[in-house]
Amino acid sequence: MFAKVVRNCRKSLGAIIAQRRISFCVIGSGPSGFYAAKYLKAQEKQFDTPVTIDIFERLPTPYGLVRSGVAPDHPEVKNVEHDFADVMLMDA
């Protein structure tokens, strides 16, 4: 499913590039939302176009099941929270 979304974004990205301004909205701040935002932000360097990404979450805390669904004895899985924090700081 995620690969299909990425392919669709890649196809429509070329048409949006002509506008010289790209804005995306990501619904959900779980792992898939953050990885999508990270991929879209990486396109900024490739096309030399500013990319803005808004992430919306209905819960009071980000990171989805990484924060609340991973057992405490699996710190290597929870370490992706650091990657997600870096993604949030990309636009800051």
PDB file of N, CA and C in Angstrom:
ATOM      1  N   MET A   1       0.821  -1.191   0.000  1.00  0.00           N
ATOM      2  CA  MET A   1       0.000   0.000   0.000  1.00  0.00           C
ATOM      3  C   MET A   1       0.867   1.257   0.000  1.00  0.00           C
ATOM      4  N   PHE A   2       1.876   1.296   0.889  1.00  0.00           N
ATOM      5  CA  PHE A   2       2.728   2.478   0.965  1.00  0.00           C
ATOM      6  C   PHE A   2       3.480   2.694  -0.345  1.00  0.00           C
ATOM      7  N   ALA A   3       3.954   1.593  -0.961  1.00  0.00           N
ATOM      8  CA  ALA A   3       4.678   1.717  -2.226  1.00  0.00           C
ATOM      9  C   ALA A   3       3.785   2.329  -3.301  1.00  0.00           C
ATOM     10  N   LYS A   4       2.506   1.956  -3.297  1.00  0.00           N
ATOM     11  CA  LYS A   4       1.573   2.514  -4.274  1.00  0.00           C
ATOM     12  C   LYS A   4       1.402   4.016  -4.055  1.00  0.00           C
ATOM     13  N   VAL A   5       1.299   4.432  -2.802  1.00  0.00           N
ATOM     14  CA  VAL A   5       1.174   5.861  -2.488  1.00  0.00           C
ATOM     15  C   VAL A   5       2.416   6.606  -2.953  1.00  0.00           C
ATOM     16  N   VAL A   6       3.597   6.016  -2.714  1.00  0.00           N
ATOM     17  CA  VAL A   6       4.845   6.659  -3.124  1.00  0.00           C
ATOM     18  C   VAL A   6       4.888   6.794  -4.636  1.00  0.00           C
ATOM     19  N   ARG A   7       4.486   5.757  -5.363  1.00  0.00           N
ATOM     20  CA  ARG A   7       4.475   5.841  -6.834  1.00  0.00           C
ATOM     21  C   ARG A   7       3.525   6.925  -7.308  1.00  0.00           C
ATOM     22  N   ASN A   8       2.341   7.010  -6.696  1.00  0.00           N
ATOM     23  CA  ASN A   8       1.391   8.044  -7.088  1.00  0.00           C
ATOM     24  C   ASN A   8       1.928   9.436  -6.788  1.00  0.00           C
ATOM     25  N   CYS A   9       2.601   9.588  -5.656  1.00  0.00           N
ATOM     26  CA  CYS A   9       3.203  10.884  -5.322  1.00  0.00           C
ATOM     27  C   CYS A   9       4.280  11.243  -6.332  1.00  0.00           C
ATOM     28  N   ARG A  10       5.070  10.262  -6.720  1.00  0.00           N
ATOM     29  CA  ARG A  10       6.158  10.493  -7.663  1.00  0.00           C
ATOM     30  C   ARG A  10       5.608  10.956  -9.011  1.00  0.00           C
ATOM     31  N   LYS A  11       4.483  10.363  -9.455  1.00  0.00           N
ATOM     32  CA  LYS A  11       3.896  10.742 -10.734  1.00  0.00           C
ATOM     33  C   LYS A  11       3.378  12.169 -10.706  1.00  0.00           C
ATOM     34  N   SER A  12       2.675  12.520  -9.642  1.00  0.00           N
ATOM     35  CA  SER A  12       2.088  13.852  -9.590  1.00  0.00           C
ATOM     36  C   SER A  12       3.086  14.922  -9.178  1.00  0.00           C
ATOM     37  N   LEU A  13       4.201  14.525  -8.617  1.00  0.00           N
ATOM     38  CA  LEU A  13       5.204  15.489  -8.160  1.00  0.00           C
ATOM     39  C   LEU A  13       5.764  16.300  -9.323  1.00  0.00           C
ATOM     40  N   GLY A  14       5.974  15.661 -10.459  1.00  0.00           N
ATOM     41  CA  GLY A  14       6.509  16.364 -11.622  1.00  0.00           C
ATOM     42  C   GLY A  14       5.618  17.511 -12.055  1.00  0.00           C
ATOM     43  N   ALA A  15       4.309  17.317 -12.015  1.00  0.00           N
ATOM     44  CA  ALA A  15       3.373  18.372 -12.411  1.00  0.00           C
ATOM     45  C   ALA A  15       3.369  19.512 -11.406  1.00  0.00           C
ATOM     46  N   ILE A  16       3.558  19.184 -10.152  1.00  0.00           N
ATOM     47  CA  ILE A  16       3.540  20.210  -9.109  1.00  0.00           C
ATOM     48  C   ILE A  16       4.823  21.032  -9.121  1.00  0.00           C
ATOM     49  N   ILE A  17       5.925  20.421  -9.553  1.00  0.00           N
ATOM     50  CA  ILE A  17       7.224  21.091  -9.548  1.00  0.00           C
ATOM     51  C   ILE A  17       7.175  22.394 -10.337  1.00  0.00           C
ATOM     52  N   ALA A  18       6.411  22.413 -11.414  1.00  0.00           N
ATOM     53  CA  ALA A  18       6.338  23.605 -12.255  1.00  0.00           C
ATOM     54  C   ALA A  18       5.863  24.818 -11.457  1.00  0.00           C
ATOM     55  N   GLN A  19       5.122  24.609 -10.392  1.00  0.00           N
ATOM     56  CA  GLN A  19       4.620  25.718  -9.587  1.00  0.00           C
ATOM     57  C   GLN A  19       5.694  26.289  -8.662  1.00  0.00           C
ATOM     58  N   ARG A  20       6.810  25.578  -8.473  1.00  0.00           N
ATOM     59  CA  ARG A  20       7.940  26.002  -7.655  1.00  0.00           C
ATOM     60  C   ARG A  20       7.586  26.116  -6.179  1.00  0.00           C
ATOM     61  N   ARG A  21       6.504  25.488  -5.774  1.00  0.00           N
ATOM     62  CA  ARG A  21       6.121  25.450  -4.369  1.00  0.00           C
ATOM     63  C   ARG A  21       5.345  24.165  -4.136  1.00  0.00           C
ATOM     64  N   ILE A  22       5.782  23.383  -3.173  1.00  0.00           N
ATOM     65  CA  ILE A  22       5.126  22.112  -2.919  1.00  0.00           C
ATOM     66  C   ILE A  22       4.692  22.058  -1.461  1.00  0.00           C
ATOM     67  N   SER A  23       3.419  21.751  -1.243  1.00  0.00           N
ATOM     68  CA  SER A  23       2.886  21.595   0.110  1.00  0.00           C
ATOM     69  C   SER A  23       2.158  20.262   0.194  1.00  0.00           C
ATOM     70  N   PHE A  24       2.408  19.535   1.272  1.00  0.00           N
ATOM     71  CA  PHE A  24       1.755  18.251   1.491  1.00  0.00           C
ATOM     72  C   PHE A  24       1.139  18.236   2.876  1.00  0.00           C
ATOM     73  N   CYS A  25       0.111  17.448   3.014  1.00  0.00           N
ATOM     74  CA  CYS A  25      -0.520  17.212   4.307  1.00  0.00           C
ATOM     75  C   CYS A  25      -0.486  15.712   4.550  1.00  0.00           C
ATOM     76  N   VAL A  26       0.066  15.307   5.681  1.00  0.00           N
ATOM     77  CA  VAL A  26       0.120  13.903   6.056  1.00  0.00           C
ATOM     78  C   VAL A  26      -0.849  13.709   7.218  1.00  0.00           C
ATOM     79  N   ILE A  27      -1.768  12.759   7.055  1.00  0.00           N
ATOM     80  CA  ILE A  27      -2.743  12.474   8.094  1.00  0.00           C
ATOM     81  C   ILE A  27      -2.238  11.287   8.911  1.00  0.00           C
ATOM     82  N   GLY A  28      -1.979  11.529  10.170  1.00  0.00           N
ATOM     83  CA  GLY A  28      -1.489  10.489  11.063  1.00  0.00           C
ATOM     84  C   GLY A  28       0.009  10.603  11.277  1.00  0.00           C
ATOM     85  N   SER A  29       0.412  10.537  12.535  1.00  0.00           N
ATOM     86  CA  SER A  29       1.831  10.684  12.838  1.00  0.00           C
ATOM     87  C   SER A  29       2.437   9.371  13.304  1.00  0.00           C
ATOM     88  N   GLY A  30       1.930   8.280  12.768  1.00  0.00           N
ATOM     89  CA  GLY A  30       2.523   6.978  13.040  1.00  0.00           C
ATOM     90  C   GLY A  30       3.718   6.754  12.124  1.00  0.00           C
ATOM     91  N   PRO A  31       4.272   5.560  12.143  1.00  0.00           N
ATOM     92  CA  PRO A  31       5.450   5.281  11.316  1.00  0.00           C
ATOM     93  C   PRO A  31       5.240   5.561   9.824  1.00  0.00           C
ATOM     94  N   SER A  32       4.106   5.154   9.262  1.00  0.00           N
ATOM     95  CA  SER A  32       3.908   5.380   7.827  1.00  0.00           C
ATOM     96  C   SER A  32       3.812   6.864   7.503  1.00  0.00           C
ATOM     97  N   GLY A  33       3.184   7.636   8.375  1.00  0.00           N
ATOM     98  CA  GLY A  33       3.102   9.082   8.155  1.00  0.00           C
ATOM     99  C   GLY A  33       4.466   9.741   8.184  1.00  0.00           C
ATOM    100  N   PHE A  34       5.302   9.349   9.142  1.00  0.00           N
ATOM    101  CA  PHE A  34       6.636   9.937   9.234  1.00  0.00           C
ATOM    102  C   PHE A  34       7.547   9.494   8.093  1.00  0.00           C
ATOM    103  N   TYR A  35       7.440   8.231   7.687  1.00  0.00           N
ATOM    104  CA  TYR A  35       8.269   7.797   6.564  1.00  0.00           C
ATOM    105  C   TYR A  35       7.833   8.463   5.263  1.00  0.00           C
ATOM    106  N   ALA A  36       6.532   8.682   5.101  1.00  0.00           N
ATOM    107  CA  ALA A  36       6.046   9.417   3.926  1.00  0.00           C
ATOM    108  C   ALA A  36       6.573  10.851   3.941  1.00  0.00           C
ATOM    109  N   ALA A  37       6.521  11.498   5.099  1.00  0.00           N
ATOM    110  CA  ALA A  37       7.028  12.868   5.221  1.00  0.00           C
ATOM    111  C   ALA A  37       8.526  12.923   4.943  1.00  0.00           C
ATOM    112  N   LYS A  38       9.253  11.934   5.433  1.00  0.00           N
ATOM    113  CA  LYS A  38      10.702  11.892   5.205  1.00  0.00           C
ATOM    114  C   LYS A  38      11.010  11.750   3.713  1.00  0.00           C
ATOM    115  N   TYR A  39      10.271  10.882   3.025  1.00  0.00           N
ATOM    116  CA  TYR A  39      10.476  10.701   1.589  1.00  0.00           C
ATOM    117  C   TYR A  39      10.138  11.984   0.828  1.00  0.00           C
ATOM    118  N   LEU A  40       9.019  12.597   1.158  1.00  0.00           N
ATOM    119  CA  LEU A  40       8.611  13.814   0.459  1.00  0.00           C
ATOM    120  C   LEU A  40       9.600  14.950   0.702  1.00  0.00           C
ATOM    121  N   LYS A  41      10.114  15.042   1.911  1.00  0.00           N
ATOM    122  CA  LYS A  41      11.095  16.087   2.216  1.00  0.00           C
ATOM    123  C   LYS A  41      12.400  15.850   1.457  1.00  0.00           C
ATOM    124  N   ALA A  42      12.745  14.588   1.228  1.00  0.00           N
ATOM    125  CA  ALA A  42      13.961  14.283   0.465  1.00  0.00           C
ATOM    126  C   ALA A  42      13.845  14.763  -0.982  1.00  0.00           C
ATOM    127  N   GLN A  43      12.637  14.873  -1.499  1.00  0.00           N
ATOM    128  CA  GLN A  43      12.446  15.350  -2.859  1.00  0.00           C
ATOM    129  C   GLN A  43      12.819  16.823  -3.010  1.00  0.00           C
ATOM    130  N   GLU A  44      12.814  17.551  -1.910  1.00  0.00           N
ATOM    131  CA  GLU A  44      13.180  18.964  -1.935  1.00  0.00           C
ATOM    132  C   GLU A  44      14.583  19.152  -2.496  1.00  0.00           C
ATOM    133  N   LYS A  45      15.518  18.315  -2.089  1.00  0.00           N
ATOM    134  CA  LYS A  45      16.897  18.423  -2.568  1.00  0.00           C
ATOM    135  C   LYS A  45      17.009  18.028  -4.034  1.00  0.00           C
ATOM    136  N   GLN A  46      16.260  17.003  -4.424  1.00  0.00           N
ATOM    137  CA  GLN A  46      16.342  16.513  -5.797  1.00  0.00           C
ATOM    138  C   GLN A  46      15.822  17.541  -6.801  1.00  0.00           C
ATOM    139  N   PHE A  47      14.733  18.217  -6.483  1.00  0.00           N
ATOM    140  CA  PHE A  47      14.112  19.144  -7.419  1.00  0.00           C
ATOM    141  C   PHE A  47      14.418  20.604  -7.124  1.00  0.00           C
ATOM    142  N   ASP A  48      15.184  20.861  -6.071  1.00  0.00           N
ATOM    143  CA  ASP A  48      15.541  22.227  -5.702  1.00  0.00           C
ATOM    144  C   ASP A  48      14.298  23.113  -5.575  1.00  0.00           C
ATOM    145  N   THR A  49      13.297  22.587  -4.889  1.00  0.00           N
ATOM    146  CA  THR A  49      12.037  23.281  -4.681  1.00  0.00           C
ATOM    147  C   THR A  49      11.653  23.171  -3.211  1.00  0.00           C
ATOM    148  N   PRO A  50      11.223  24.256  -2.584  1.00  0.00           N
ATOM    149  CA  PRO A  50      10.821  24.163  -1.180  1.00  0.00           C
ATOM    150  C   PRO A  50       9.618  23.244  -0.990  1.00  0.00           C
ATOM    151  N   VAL A  51       9.690  22.390   0.004  1.00  0.00           N
ATOM    152  CA  VAL A  51       8.613  21.455   0.319  1.00  0.00           C
ATOM    153  C   VAL A  51       8.147  21.725   1.746  1.00  0.00           C
ATOM    154  N   THR A  52       6.840  21.947   1.904  1.00  0.00           N
ATOM    155  CA  THR A  52       6.266  22.114   3.233  1.00  0.00           C
ATOM    156  C   THR A  52       5.363  20.927   3.523  1.00  0.00           C
ATOM    157  N   ILE A  53       5.483  20.405   4.736  1.00  0.00           N
ATOM    158  CA  ILE A  53       4.697  19.233   5.113  1.00  0.00           C
ATOM    159  C   ILE A  53       4.012  19.517   6.446  1.00  0.00           C
ATOM    160  N   ASP A  54       2.702  19.362   6.462  1.00  0.00           N
ATOM    161  CA  ASP A  54       1.925  19.470   7.696  1.00  0.00           C
ATOM    162  C   ASP A  54       1.490  18.068   8.091  1.00  0.00           C
ATOM    163  N   ILE A  55       1.721  17.708   9.344  1.00  0.00           N
ATOM    164  CA  ILE A  55       1.325  16.397   9.848  1.00  0.00           C
ATOM    165  C   ILE A  55       0.208  16.604  10.864  1.00  0.00           C
ATOM    166  N   PHE A  56      -0.924  15.951  10.627  1.00  0.00           N
ATOM    167  CA  PHE A  56      -2.066  16.058  11.523  1.00  0.00           C
ATOM    168  C   PHE A  56      -2.267  14.738  12.264  1.00  0.00           C
ATOM    169  N   GLU A  57      -2.512  14.840  13.547  1.00  0.00           N
ATOM    170  CA  GLU A  57      -2.728  13.660  14.394  1.00  0.00           C
ATOM    171  C   GLU A  57      -3.894  13.939  15.327  1.00  0.00           C
ATOM    172  N   ARG A  58      -4.811  13.007  15.446  1.00  0.00           N
ATOM    173  CA  ARG A  58      -5.960  13.218  16.334  1.00  0.00           C
ATOM    174  C   ARG A  58      -5.644  12.897  17.794  1.00  0.00           C
ATOM    175  N   LEU A  59      -4.608  12.095  18.017  1.00  0.00           N
ATOM    176  CA  LEU A  59      -4.218  11.766  19.386  1.00  0.00           C
ATOM    177  C   LEU A  59      -3.306  12.850  19.958  1.00  0.00           C
ATOM    178  N   PRO A  60      -3.203  12.937  21.279  1.00  0.00           N
ATOM    179  CA  PRO A  60      -2.374  13.992  21.870  1.00  0.00           C
ATOM    180  C   PRO A  60      -0.866  13.749  21.740  1.00  0.00           C
ATOM    181  N   THR A  61      -0.456  12.534  21.395  1.00  0.00           N
ATOM    182  CA  THR A  61       0.976  12.234  21.277  1.00  0.00           C
ATOM    183  C   THR A  61       1.281  11.670  19.897  1.00  0.00           C
ATOM    184  N   PRO A  62       2.451  11.971  19.351  1.00  0.00           N
ATOM    185  CA  PRO A  62       2.821  11.457  18.034  1.00  0.00           C
ATOM    186  C   PRO A  62       3.409  10.042  18.098  1.00  0.00           C
ATOM    187  N   TYR A  63       3.814   9.516  16.955  1.00  0.00           N
ATOM    188  CA  TYR A  63       4.557   8.258  16.766  1.00  0.00           C
ATOM    189  C   TYR A  63       3.693   7.006  16.775  1.00  0.00           C
ATOM    190  N   GLY A  64       2.405   7.103  16.959  1.00  0.00           N
ATOM    191  CA  GLY A  64       1.514   5.955  16.848  1.00  0.00           C
ATOM    192  C   GLY A  64       1.911   4.791  17.734  1.00  0.00           C
ATOM    193  N   LEU A  65       1.881   3.589  17.153  1.00  0.00           N
ATOM    194  CA  LEU A  65       2.160   2.380  17.924  1.00  0.00           C
ATOM    195  C   LEU A  65       3.626   2.247  18.319  1.00  0.00           C
ATOM    196  N   VAL A  66       4.502   3.010  17.709  1.00  0.00           N
ATOM    197  CA  VAL A  66       5.903   2.954  18.132  1.00  0.00           C
ATOM    198  C   VAL A  66       5.999   3.412  19.583  1.00  0.00           C
ATOM    199  N   ARG A  67       5.199   4.388  19.926  1.00  0.00           N
ATOM    200  CA  ARG A  67       5.230   4.904  21.303  1.00  0.00           C
ATOM    201  C   ARG A  67       4.419   4.024  22.258  1.00  0.00           C
ATOM    202  N   SER A  68       3.249   3.593  21.829  1.00  0.00           N
ATOM    203  CA  SER A  68       2.360   2.911  22.777  1.00  0.00           C
ATOM    204  C   SER A  68       2.228   1.410  22.552  1.00  0.00           C
ATOM    205  N   GLY A  69       2.715   0.889  21.441  1.00  0.00           N
ATOM    206  CA  GLY A  69       2.486  -0.517  21.142  1.00  0.00           C
ATOM    207  C   GLY A  69       3.727  -1.379  21.123  1.00  0.00           C
ATOM    208  N   VAL A  70       4.877  -0.810  21.435  1.00  0.00           N
ATOM    209  CA  VAL A  70       6.122  -1.583  21.438  1.00  0.00           C
ATOM    210  C   VAL A  70       6.535  -1.822  22.885  1.00  0.00           C
ATOM    211  N   ALA A  71       6.846  -3.062  23.182  1.00  0.00           N
ATOM    212  CA  ALA A  71       7.229  -3.415  24.555  1.00  0.00           C
ATOM    213  C   ALA A  71       8.524  -2.698  24.953  1.00  0.00           C
ATOM    214  N   PRO A  72       8.639  -2.343  26.226  1.00  0.00           N
ATOM    215  CA  PRO A  72       9.835  -1.627  26.700  1.00  0.00           C
ATOM    216  C   PRO A  72      11.133  -2.423  26.537  1.00  0.00           C
ATOM    217  N   ASP A  73      11.031  -3.738  26.397  1.00  0.00           N
ATOM    218  CA  ASP A  73      12.250  -4.534  26.256  1.00  0.00           C
ATOM    219  C   ASP A  73      12.711  -4.638  24.799  1.00  0.00           C
ATOM    220  N   HIS A  74      12.174  -3.782  23.920  1.00  0.00           N
ATOM    221  CA  HIS A  74      12.597  -3.720  22.518  1.00  0.00           C
ATOM    222  C   HIS A  74      13.078  -2.307  22.183  1.00  0.00           C
ATOM    223  N   PRO A  75      14.175  -1.866  22.805  1.00  0.00           N
ATOM    224  CA  PRO A  75      14.621  -0.480  22.582  1.00  0.00           C
ATOM    225  C   PRO A  75      15.058  -0.217  21.149  1.00  0.00           C
ATOM    226  N   GLU A  76      15.529  -1.244  20.432  1.00  0.00           N
ATOM    227  CA  GLU A  76      15.974  -1.013  19.050  1.00  0.00           C
ATOM    228  C   GLU A  76      14.816  -0.599  18.151  1.00  0.00           C
ATOM    229  N   VAL A  77      13.607  -1.087  18.445  1.00  0.00           N
ATOM    230  CA  VAL A  77      12.432  -0.690  17.660  1.00  0.00           C
ATOM    231  C   VAL A  77      12.021   0.722  18.038  1.00  0.00           C
ATOM    232  N   LYS A  78      12.091   1.049  19.308  1.00  0.00           N
ATOM    233  CA  LYS A  78      11.696   2.371  19.752  1.00  0.00           C
ATOM    234  C   LYS A  78      12.690   3.458  19.323  1.00  0.00           C
ATOM    235  N   ASN A  79      13.880   3.072  18.885  1.00  0.00           N
ATOM    236  CA  ASN A  79      14.877   4.062  18.465  1.00  0.00           C
ATOM    237  C   ASN A  79      14.453   4.838  17.227  1.00  0.00           C
ATOM    238  N   VAL A  80      13.464   4.361  16.480  1.00  0.00           N
ATOM    239  CA  VAL A  80      13.006   5.124  15.321  1.00  0.00           C
ATOM    240  C   VAL A  80      12.364   6.435  15.750  1.00  0.00           C
ATOM    241  N   GLU A  81      12.022   6.563  17.023  1.00  0.00           N
ATOM    242  CA  GLU A  81      11.491   7.841  17.516  1.00  0.00           C
ATOM    243  C   GLU A  81      12.492   8.967  17.270  1.00  0.00           C
ATOM    244  N   HIS A  82      13.780   8.659  17.336  1.00  0.00           N
ATOM    245  CA  HIS A  82      14.803   9.675  17.067  1.00  0.00           C
ATOM    246  C   HIS A  82      14.751  10.105  15.596  1.00  0.00           C
ATOM    247  N   ASP A  83      14.544   9.146  14.694  1.00  0.00           N
ATOM    248  CA  ASP A  83      14.402   9.479  13.274  1.00  0.00           C
ATOM    249  C   ASP A  83      13.161  10.344  13.040  1.00  0.00           C
ATOM    250  N   PHE A  84      12.087  10.003  13.722  1.00  0.00           N
ATOM    251  CA  PHE A  84      10.847  10.767  13.562  1.00  0.00           C
ATOM    252  C   PHE A  84      11.025  12.194  14.091  1.00  0.00           C
ATOM    253  N   ALA A  85      11.747  12.348  15.178  1.00  0.00           N
ATOM    254  CA  ALA A  85      12.008  13.686  15.709  1.00  0.00           C
ATOM    255  C   ALA A  85      12.830  14.502  14.708  1.00  0.00           C
ATOM    256  N   ASP A  86      13.778  13.858  14.037  1.00  0.00           N
ATOM    257  CA  ASP A  86      14.561  14.554  13.013  1.00  0.00           C
ATOM    258  C   ASP A  86      13.683  15.026  11.870  1.00  0.00           C
ATOM    259  N   VAL A  87      12.704  14.209  11.493  1.00  0.00           N
ATOM    260  CA  VAL A  87      11.782  14.593  10.424  1.00  0.00           C
ATOM    261  C   VAL A  87      10.984  15.822  10.852  1.00  0.00           C
ATOM    262  N   MET A  88      10.566  15.866  12.104  1.00  0.00           N
ATOM    263  CA  MET A  88       9.799  17.012  12.577  1.00  0.00           C
ATOM    264  C   MET A  88      10.645  18.281  12.598  1.00  0.00           C
ATOM    265  N   LEU A  89      11.939  18.142  12.802  1.00  0.00           N
ATOM    266  CA  LEU A  89      12.812  19.307  12.846  1.00  0.00           C
ATOM    267  C   LEU A  89      13.249  19.783  11.460  1.00  0.00           C
ATOM    268  N   MET A  90      13.001  19.009  10.422  1.00  0.00           N
ATOM    269  CA  MET A  90      13.422  19.385   9.073  1.00  0.00           C
ATOM    270  C   MET A  90      12.808  20.701   8.626  1.00  0.00           C
ATOM    271  N   ASP A  91      11.567  20.948   8.961  1.00  0.00           N
ATOM    272  CA  ASP A  91      10.895  22.184   8.528  1.00  0.00           C
ATOM    273  C   ASP A  91      11.036  23.314   9.531  1.00  0.00           C
ATOM    274  N   ALA A  92      11.591  23.025  10.686  1.00  0.00           N
ATOM    275  CA  ALA A  92      11.654  24.047  11.738  1.00  0.00           C
ATOM    276  C   ALA A  92      12.652  25.123  11.414  1.00  0.00           C
TER     277      ALA A  92
END
